[in-house]
Each structure stands twice: as C-alpha cells, then as structure tokens.
Amino acid sequence: GEWSGYVPVVYIGGVAGFAFQANINNDLTLTGEITYAPAVGMHPNWTGYVFHGGYGLYLIYDVRSDLTINAGLRSLGWMPGLFIGFSF
C-alpha cells in the first residue's frame, strides 16, 4: 500500500559541546552552552547528513532547595527560541 501519515526516519550520531557556568550570587547562575551533533541517516529514499545541536544562554534561579527555575535562550539547530523550565 501507500505510505500515509508518518514516514520513519532513522539517524545515528553523537554530540560534543562546551558549557560554562558563572555564579552571580548564591541563588542565580548564568549558563552558556554550544553543541555540535552531526548525524547520518537513512530515509526510505535517500541517505543523508543532518546537523543538530545549537547554543543556549540562560539563567538558573534556585527558588528553594527543591525548586529551580531556568529561563533564557536555547536553539534547535540554528533556530533560536525562548524557554522557561522548572526543576523540582
């Protein structure tokens, strides 16, 4: 039959990157990261190369011992986006 809906795509690769953290005060940390994640993959009709990874610059705020908020800029590939996250 014909494909309908999603077509499976398989990639395999690795990731390498650098990150830094700078403590602003006891509760606030500035974090930056850059990652490079090349991958090769197989689609039903072709074999290709794709780039994943990206960059980020965000703040981590310790609200209390069991709650942190992190917010800032992170990318998906080269496309930047704003995010906010909670850890508890």
Protein backbone atom coordinates (compact mmCIF):
# COMPACT_ATOMS: atom_id res chain seq x y z
CA GLY A 1 0.00 0.00 0.00
CA GLU A 2 0.94 3.65 0.02
CA TRP A 3 2.51 5.47 2.94
CA SER A 4 0.10 7.65 4.82
CA GLY A 5 0.90 9.76 7.83
CA TYR A 6 4.40 9.48 9.22
CA VAL A 7 7.41 8.10 7.38
CA PRO A 8 10.08 6.53 9.62
CA VAL A 9 13.47 8.20 9.51
CA VAL A 10 16.50 6.80 11.35
CA TYR A 11 19.59 8.81 12.30
CA ILE A 12 22.66 7.85 14.26
CA GLY A 13 25.29 10.23 15.53
CA GLY A 14 27.00 11.79 18.50
CA VAL A 15 27.17 15.08 20.30
CA ALA A 16 30.05 17.22 21.52
CA GLY A 17 29.89 20.56 23.19
CA PHE A 18 31.11 23.12 25.65
CA ALA A 19 29.30 24.68 28.57
CA PHE A 20 30.15 27.25 31.19
CA GLN A 21 28.52 28.34 34.41
CA ALA A 22 29.11 31.56 36.29
CA ASN A 23 27.67 32.07 39.75
CA ILE A 24 26.13 35.52 40.01
CA ASN A 25 25.14 35.05 43.65
CA ASN A 26 24.06 32.19 45.93
CA ASP A 27 20.76 31.73 44.10
CA LEU A 28 21.48 32.73 40.50
CA THR A 29 23.72 31.04 37.92
CA LEU A 30 24.38 32.09 34.32
CA THR A 31 24.88 29.15 31.97
CA GLY A 32 26.00 29.07 28.36
CA GLU A 33 26.38 26.14 26.03
CA ILE A 34 27.18 25.26 22.45
CA THR A 35 26.78 21.79 20.99
CA TYR A 36 27.58 20.14 17.70
CA ALA A 37 25.67 16.98 16.87
CA PRO A 38 26.26 15.63 13.39
CA ALA A 39 24.33 12.57 12.30
CA VAL A 40 23.96 10.36 9.27
CA GLY A 41 20.65 8.78 8.49
CA MET A 42 18.55 6.66 6.24
CA HIS A 43 15.20 7.66 4.82
CA PRO A 44 13.26 5.22 2.61
CA ASN A 45 14.51 7.10 -0.49
CA TRP A 46 17.90 8.57 0.42
CA THR A 47 20.88 8.58 2.72
CA GLY A 48 21.70 11.98 4.11
CA TYR A 49 23.56 14.06 6.64
CA VAL A 50 21.88 16.33 9.15
CA PHE A 51 23.09 18.87 11.71
CA HIS A 52 21.59 19.01 15.16
CA GLY A 53 22.82 20.81 18.20
CA GLY A 54 22.93 24.53 18.75
CA TYR A 55 23.50 27.03 21.51
CA GLY A 56 21.99 28.40 24.66
CA LEU A 57 22.33 31.20 27.18
CA TYR A 58 20.11 31.06 30.21
CA LEU A 59 19.78 31.73 33.92
CA ILE A 60 19.16 29.16 36.64
CA TYR A 61 17.46 30.53 39.76
CA ASP A 62 17.31 28.48 42.97
CA VAL A 63 13.95 29.40 44.47
CA ARG A 64 14.44 26.95 47.35
CA SER A 65 16.34 23.73 47.92
CA ASP A 66 13.83 21.65 45.95
CA LEU A 67 12.78 24.14 43.22
CA THR A 68 14.76 25.83 40.46
CA ILE A 69 13.60 27.91 37.51
CA ASN A 70 15.69 28.16 34.36
CA ALA A 71 14.87 30.54 31.56
CA GLY A 72 16.58 32.09 28.57
CA LEU A 73 17.56 31.39 25.00
CA ARG A 74 18.08 27.94 23.51
CA SER A 75 18.22 26.87 19.91
CA LEU A 76 17.03 23.96 17.87
CA GLY A 77 19.71 23.73 15.24
CA TRP A 78 20.36 27.36 14.32
CA MET A 79 16.79 28.48 15.09
CA PRO A 80 16.67 30.33 18.43
CA GLY A 81 13.81 30.21 20.87
CA LEU A 82 12.92 31.38 24.36
CA PHE A 83 12.21 28.82 27.04
CA ILE A 84 11.34 28.53 30.70
CA GLY A 85 11.69 25.37 32.73
CA PHE A 86 11.17 24.17 36.28
CA SER A 87 13.06 21.52 38.24
CA PHE A 88 11.59 20.15 41.44
